[in-house]
Amino acid sequence: MGKSKGARITITLECECRNNPQADKRSNGISRYTTSKNRRNTPSRIELKKFCRYCNSHTTFKEIK
């Protein structure tokens, strides 16, 4: 039998500029980060401010499936 997954899972964060076509972008592309979270402590989707190289600024990154 294998071990259970546990509480910590890997998630993907995606920039909100992908859904906002009016944003001033340097070039087309999707900026994504991967991180992990504890699903017992944070059951909802998280939002973090990270640097987007396509927006050339710090923007909100939202968790995607």
PDB file of N, CA and C in Angstrom:
ATOM      1  N   MET A   1       0.822  -1.180   0.000  1.00  0.00           N
ATOM      2  CA  MET A   1       0.000   0.000   0.000  1.00  0.00           C
ATOM      3  C   MET A   1       0.871   1.251   0.000  1.00  0.00           C
ATOM      4  N   GLY A   2       0.447   2.252  -0.757  1.00  0.00           N
ATOM      5  CA  GLY A   2       1.182   3.505  -0.810  1.00  0.00           C
ATOM      6  C   GLY A   2       0.779   4.436   0.313  1.00  0.00           C
ATOM      7  N   LYS A   3       1.611   5.431   0.529  1.00  0.00           N
ATOM      8  CA  LYS A   3       1.305   6.417   1.556  1.00  0.00           C
ATOM      9  C   LYS A   3       0.219   7.360   1.065  1.00  0.00           C
ATOM     10  N   SER A   4      -0.511   7.964   2.002  1.00  0.00           N
ATOM     11  CA  SER A   4      -1.517   8.951   1.621  1.00  0.00           C
ATOM     12  C   SER A   4      -0.828  10.244   1.195  1.00  0.00           C
ATOM     13  N   LYS A   5      -1.536  11.076   0.482  1.00  0.00           N
ATOM     14  CA  LYS A   5      -0.963  12.325  -0.022  1.00  0.00           C
ATOM     15  C   LYS A   5      -0.562  13.274   1.095  1.00  0.00           C
ATOM     16  N   GLY A   6      -1.321  13.288   2.161  1.00  0.00           N
ATOM     17  CA  GLY A   6      -1.026  14.217   3.245  1.00  0.00           C
ATOM     18  C   GLY A   6      -1.752  15.534   3.024  1.00  0.00           C
ATOM     19  N   ALA A   7      -1.434  16.510   3.844  1.00  0.00           N
ATOM     20  CA  ALA A   7      -2.131  17.786   3.798  1.00  0.00           C
ATOM     21  C   ALA A   7      -1.533  18.759   2.798  1.00  0.00           C
ATOM     22  N   ARG A   8      -0.257  18.570   2.419  1.00  0.00           N
ATOM     23  CA  ARG A   8       0.422  19.536   1.558  1.00  0.00           C
ATOM     24  C   ARG A   8       0.281  19.138   0.095  1.00  0.00           C
ATOM     25  N   ILE A   9      -0.196  20.081  -0.738  1.00  0.00           N
ATOM     26  CA  ILE A   9      -0.379  19.824  -2.163  1.00  0.00           C
ATOM     27  C   ILE A   9       0.330  20.901  -2.981  1.00  0.00           C
ATOM     28  N   THR A  10       0.649  20.567  -4.226  1.00  0.00           N
ATOM     29  CA  THR A  10       1.286  21.517  -5.141  1.00  0.00           C
ATOM     30  C   THR A  10       0.195  22.229  -5.933  1.00  0.00           C
ATOM     31  N   ILE A  11       0.302  23.556  -6.020  1.00  0.00           N
ATOM     32  CA  ILE A  11      -0.685  24.353  -6.749  1.00  0.00           C
ATOM     33  C   ILE A  11       0.020  25.219  -7.785  1.00  0.00           C
ATOM     34  N   THR A  12      -0.751  25.722  -8.734  1.00  0.00           N
ATOM     35  CA  THR A  12      -0.237  26.609  -9.773  1.00  0.00           C
ATOM     36  C   THR A  12      -0.907  27.967  -9.619  1.00  0.00           C
ATOM     37  N   LEU A  13      -0.100  29.023  -9.665  1.00  0.00           N
ATOM     38  CA  LEU A  13      -0.607  30.394  -9.597  1.00  0.00           C
ATOM     39  C   LEU A  13      -0.444  31.023 -10.975  1.00  0.00           C
ATOM     40  N   GLU A  14      -1.494  31.707 -11.433  1.00  0.00           N
ATOM     41  CA  GLU A  14      -1.469  32.331 -12.759  1.00  0.00           C
ATOM     42  C   GLU A  14      -1.799  33.810 -12.634  1.00  0.00           C
ATOM     43  N   CYS A  15      -1.123  34.628 -13.432  1.00  0.00           N
ATOM     44  CA  CYS A  15      -1.313  36.081 -13.395  1.00  0.00           C
ATOM     45  C   CYS A  15      -2.717  36.445 -13.867  1.00  0.00           C
ATOM     46  N   GLU A  16      -3.266  37.499 -13.265  1.00  0.00           N
ATOM     47  CA  GLU A  16      -4.600  37.940 -13.659  1.00  0.00           C
ATOM     48  C   GLU A  16      -4.592  38.697 -14.986  1.00  0.00           C
ATOM     49  N   CYS A  17      -3.426  39.097 -15.484  1.00  0.00           N
ATOM     50  CA  CYS A  17      -3.371  39.843 -16.742  1.00  0.00           C
ATOM     51  C   CYS A  17      -3.777  38.973 -17.932  1.00  0.00           C
ATOM     52  N   ARG A  18      -3.720  37.661 -17.774  1.00  0.00           N
ATOM     53  CA  ARG A  18      -4.142  36.773 -18.858  1.00  0.00           C
ATOM     54  C   ARG A  18      -5.628  36.955 -19.162  1.00  0.00           C
ATOM     55  N   ASN A  19      -6.413  37.220 -18.118  1.00  0.00           N
ATOM     56  CA  ASN A  19      -7.852  37.405 -18.288  1.00  0.00           C
ATOM     57  C   ASN A  19      -8.226  38.854 -18.564  1.00  0.00           C
ATOM     58  N   ASN A  20      -7.244  39.755 -18.569  1.00  0.00           N
ATOM     59  CA  ASN A  20      -7.499  41.173 -18.773  1.00  0.00           C
ATOM     60  C   ASN A  20      -6.780  41.636 -20.044  1.00  0.00           C
ATOM     61  N   PRO A  21      -7.444  41.616 -21.205  1.00  0.00           N
ATOM     62  CA  PRO A  21      -6.760  41.968 -22.455  1.00  0.00           C
ATOM     63  C   PRO A  21      -6.397  43.446 -22.570  1.00  0.00           C
ATOM     64  N   GLN A  22      -6.984  44.326 -21.745  1.00  0.00           N
ATOM     65  CA  GLN A  22      -6.692  45.754 -21.826  1.00  0.00           C
ATOM     66  C   GLN A  22      -5.399  46.101 -21.087  1.00  0.00           C
ATOM     67  N   ALA A  23      -4.825  45.166 -20.387  1.00  0.00           N
ATOM     68  CA  ALA A  23      -3.610  45.453 -19.609  1.00  0.00           C
ATOM     69  C   ALA A  23      -2.454  45.778 -20.547  1.00  0.00           C
ATOM     70  N   ASP A  24      -1.596  46.672 -20.074  1.00  0.00           N
ATOM     71  CA  ASP A  24      -0.404  47.047 -20.840  1.00  0.00           C
ATOM     72  C   ASP A  24       0.628  45.940 -20.715  1.00  0.00           C
ATOM     73  N   LYS A  25       0.829  45.186 -21.769  1.00  0.00           N
ATOM     74  CA  LYS A  25       1.770  44.076 -21.711  1.00  0.00           C
ATOM     75  C   LYS A  25       2.949  44.347 -22.621  1.00  0.00           C
ATOM     76  N   ARG A  26       4.098  43.801 -22.238  1.00  0.00           N
ATOM     77  CA  ARG A  26       5.264  43.894 -23.110  1.00  0.00           C
ATOM     78  C   ARG A  26       5.119  42.924 -24.270  1.00  0.00           C
ATOM     79  N   SER A  27       4.650  41.718 -23.992  1.00  0.00           N
ATOM     80  CA  SER A  27       4.459  40.715 -25.027  1.00  0.00           C
ATOM     81  C   SER A  27       3.376  39.753 -24.574  1.00  0.00           C
ATOM     82  N   ASN A  28       2.922  38.916 -25.486  1.00  0.00           N
ATOM     83  CA  ASN A  28       1.910  37.935 -25.148  1.00  0.00           C
ATOM     84  C   ASN A  28       2.553  36.754 -24.438  1.00  0.00           C
ATOM     85  N   GLY A  29       1.858  36.223 -23.466  1.00  0.00           N
ATOM     86  CA  GLY A  29       2.358  35.072 -22.748  1.00  0.00           C
ATOM     87  C   GLY A  29       1.598  34.884 -21.457  1.00  0.00           C
ATOM     88  N   ILE A  30       1.852  33.757 -20.820  1.00  0.00           N
ATOM     89  CA  ILE A  30       1.200  33.424 -19.566  1.00  0.00           C
ATOM     90  C   ILE A  30       2.279  33.270 -18.508  1.00  0.00           C
ATOM     91  N   SER A  31       2.167  34.039 -17.447  1.00  0.00           N
ATOM     92  CA  SER A  31       3.122  33.948 -16.358  1.00  0.00           C
ATOM     93  C   SER A  31       2.527  33.071 -15.269  1.00  0.00           C
ATOM     94  N   ARG A  32       3.242  31.997 -14.894  1.00  0.00           N
ATOM     95  CA  ARG A  32       2.767  31.069 -13.876  1.00  0.00           C
ATOM     96  C   ARG A  32       3.879  30.753 -12.888  1.00  0.00           C
ATOM     97  N   TYR A  33       3.473  30.555 -11.648  1.00  0.00           N
ATOM     98  CA  TYR A  33       4.359  30.096 -10.588  1.00  0.00           C
ATOM     99  C   TYR A  33       3.771  28.824  -9.999  1.00  0.00           C
ATOM    100  N   THR A  34       4.613  27.943  -9.467  1.00  0.00           N
ATOM    101  CA  THR A  34       4.135  26.787  -8.716  1.00  0.00           C
ATOM    102  C   THR A  34       4.605  26.925  -7.284  1.00  0.00           C
ATOM    103  N   THR A  35       3.762  26.512  -6.363  1.00  0.00           N
ATOM    104  CA  THR A  35       4.068  26.555  -4.946  1.00  0.00           C
ATOM    105  C   THR A  35       3.268  25.453  -4.275  1.00  0.00           C
ATOM    106  N   SER A  36       3.372  25.351  -2.973  1.00  0.00           N
ATOM    107  CA  SER A  36       2.603  24.350  -2.247  1.00  0.00           C
ATOM    108  C   SER A  36       1.830  25.037  -1.133  1.00  0.00           C
ATOM    109  N   LYS A  37       0.747  24.385  -0.732  1.00  0.00           N
ATOM    110  CA  LYS A  37      -0.056  24.911   0.361  1.00  0.00           C
ATOM    111  C   LYS A  37      -0.592  23.751   1.174  1.00  0.00           C
ATOM    112  N   ASN A  38      -0.933  24.026   2.411  1.00  0.00           N
ATOM    113  CA  ASN A  38      -1.533  23.038   3.288  1.00  0.00           C
ATOM    114  C   ASN A  38      -3.040  23.139   3.109  1.00  0.00           C
ATOM    115  N   ARG A  39      -3.649  22.086   2.575  1.00  0.00           N
ATOM    116  CA  ARG A  39      -5.084  22.164   2.263  1.00  0.00           C
ATOM    117  C   ARG A  39      -5.959  22.164   3.499  1.00  0.00           C
ATOM    118  N   ARG A  40      -5.436  21.728   4.641  1.00  0.00           N
ATOM    119  CA  ARG A  40      -6.229  21.780   5.880  1.00  0.00           C
ATOM    120  C   ARG A  40      -6.279  23.191   6.443  1.00  0.00           C
ATOM    121  N   ASN A  41      -5.170  23.926   6.356  1.00  0.00           N
ATOM    122  CA  ASN A  41      -5.130  25.294   6.887  1.00  0.00           C
ATOM    123  C   ASN A  41      -5.725  26.300   5.917  1.00  0.00           C
ATOM    124  N   THR A  42      -5.612  26.054   4.610  1.00  0.00           N
ATOM    125  CA  THR A  42      -6.085  26.984   3.589  1.00  0.00           C
ATOM    126  C   THR A  42      -6.938  26.233   2.573  1.00  0.00           C
ATOM    127  N   PRO A  43      -8.198  25.960   2.882  1.00  0.00           N
ATOM    128  CA  PRO A  43      -9.034  25.195   1.947  1.00  0.00           C
ATOM    129  C   PRO A  43      -9.473  26.007   0.728  1.00  0.00           C
ATOM    130  N   SER A  44      -9.538  27.330   0.853  1.00  0.00           N
ATOM    131  CA  SER A  44      -9.971  28.162  -0.274  1.00  0.00           C
ATOM    132  C   SER A  44      -8.792  28.443  -1.199  1.00  0.00           C
ATOM    133  N   ARG A  45      -9.085  28.991  -2.368  1.00  0.00           N
ATOM    134  CA  ARG A  45      -8.030  29.333  -3.325  1.00  0.00           C
ATOM    135  C   ARG A  45      -7.266  30.554  -2.828  1.00  0.00           C
ATOM    136  N   ILE A  46      -5.960  30.551  -3.034  1.00  0.00           N
ATOM    137  CA  ILE A  46      -5.137  31.645  -2.517  1.00  0.00           C
ATOM    138  C   ILE A  46      -4.802  32.630  -3.632  1.00  0.00           C
ATOM    139  N   GLU A  47      -4.492  33.850  -3.225  1.00  0.00           N
ATOM    140  CA  GLU A  47      -4.055  34.911  -4.127  1.00  0.00           C
ATOM    141  C   GLU A  47      -2.800  35.533  -3.523  1.00  0.00           C
ATOM    142  N   LEU A  48      -1.753  35.638  -4.331  1.00  0.00           N
ATOM    143  CA  LEU A  48      -0.494  36.230  -3.883  1.00  0.00           C
ATOM    144  C   LEU A  48      -0.045  37.284  -4.884  1.00  0.00           C
ATOM    145  N   LYS A  49       0.647  38.295  -4.397  1.00  0.00           N
ATOM    146  CA  LYS A  49       1.230  39.296  -5.286  1.00  0.00           C
ATOM    147  C   LYS A  49       2.633  38.846  -5.652  1.00  0.00           C
ATOM    148  N   LYS A  50       2.862  38.657  -6.954  1.00  0.00           N
ATOM    149  CA  LYS A  50       4.153  38.212  -7.466  1.00  0.00           C
ATOM    150  C   LYS A  50       4.504  39.085  -8.663  1.00  0.00           C
ATOM    151  N   PHE A  51       5.739  38.958  -9.146  1.00  0.00           N
ATOM    152  CA  PHE A  51       6.177  39.735 -10.296  1.00  0.00           C
ATOM    153  C   PHE A  51       5.808  39.004 -11.575  1.00  0.00           C
ATOM    154  N   CYS A  52       5.151  39.709 -12.491  1.00  0.00           N
ATOM    155  CA  CYS A  52       4.797  39.169 -13.799  1.00  0.00           C
ATOM    156  C   CYS A  52       5.728  39.800 -14.827  1.00  0.00           C
ATOM    157  N   ARG A  53       6.489  38.968 -15.521  1.00  0.00           N
ATOM    158  CA  ARG A  53       7.449  39.514 -16.489  1.00  0.00           C
ATOM    159  C   ARG A  53       6.765  40.037 -17.740  1.00  0.00           C
ATOM    160  N   TYR A  54       5.526  39.629 -17.989  1.00  0.00           N
ATOM    161  CA  TYR A  54       4.799  40.124 -19.161  1.00  0.00           C
ATOM    162  C   TYR A  54       4.137  41.468 -18.868  1.00  0.00           C
ATOM    163  N   CYS A  55       3.675  41.671 -17.634  1.00  0.00           N
ATOM    164  CA  CYS A  55       3.111  42.972 -17.238  1.00  0.00           C
ATOM    165  C   CYS A  55       4.214  43.934 -16.819  1.00  0.00           C
ATOM    166  N   ASN A  56       5.368  43.390 -16.459  1.00  0.00           N
ATOM    167  CA  ASN A  56       6.503  44.152 -15.954  1.00  0.00           C
ATOM    168  C   ASN A  56       6.140  44.890 -14.659  1.00  0.00           C
ATOM    169  N   SER A  57       5.352  44.231 -13.818  1.00  0.00           N
ATOM    170  CA  SER A  57       4.964  44.812 -12.527  1.00  0.00           C
ATOM    171  C   SER A  57       4.506  43.698 -11.598  1.00  0.00           C
ATOM    172  N   HIS A  58       4.305  44.050 -10.338  1.00  0.00           N
ATOM    173  CA  HIS A  58       3.771  43.110  -9.361  1.00  0.00           C
ATOM    174  C   HIS A  58       2.264  43.097  -9.499  1.00  0.00           C
ATOM    175  N   THR A  59       1.697  41.929  -9.739  1.00  0.00           N
ATOM    176  CA  THR A  59       0.251  41.782  -9.901  1.00  0.00           C
ATOM    177  C   THR A  59      -0.230  40.625  -9.049  1.00  0.00           C
ATOM    178  N   THR A  60      -1.551  40.473  -8.968  1.00  0.00           N
ATOM    179  CA  THR A  60      -2.149  39.402  -8.197  1.00  0.00           C
ATOM    180  C   THR A  60      -2.149  38.113  -9.018  1.00  0.00           C
ATOM    181  N   PHE A  61      -1.644  37.070  -8.407  1.00  0.00           N
ATOM    182  CA  PHE A  61      -1.652  35.750  -9.019  1.00  0.00           C
ATOM    183  C   PHE A  61      -2.677  34.908  -8.286  1.00  0.00           C
ATOM    184  N   LYS A  62      -3.566  34.241  -9.038  1.00  0.00           N
ATOM    185  CA  LYS A  62      -4.621  33.449  -8.448  1.00  0.00           C
ATOM    186  C   LYS A  62      -4.383  31.971  -8.706  1.00  0.00           C
ATOM    187  N   GLU A  63      -4.827  31.167  -7.775  1.00  0.00           N
ATOM    188  CA  GLU A  63      -4.676  29.713  -7.882  1.00  0.00           C
ATOM    189  C   GLU A  63      -5.604  29.170  -8.969  1.00  0.00           C
ATOM    190  N   ILE A  64      -5.060  28.291  -9.811  1.00  0.00           N
ATOM    191  CA  ILE A  64      -5.864  27.647 -10.840  1.00  0.00           C
ATOM    192  C   ILE A  64      -5.842  26.153 -10.585  1.00  0.00           C
ATOM    193  N   LYS A  65      -6.721  25.436 -11.246  1.00  0.00           N
ATOM    194  CA  LYS A  65      -6.790  23.967 -11.088  1.00  0.00           C
ATOM    195  C   LYS A  65      -5.656  23.325 -11.822  1.00  0.00           C
TER     196      LYS A  65
END
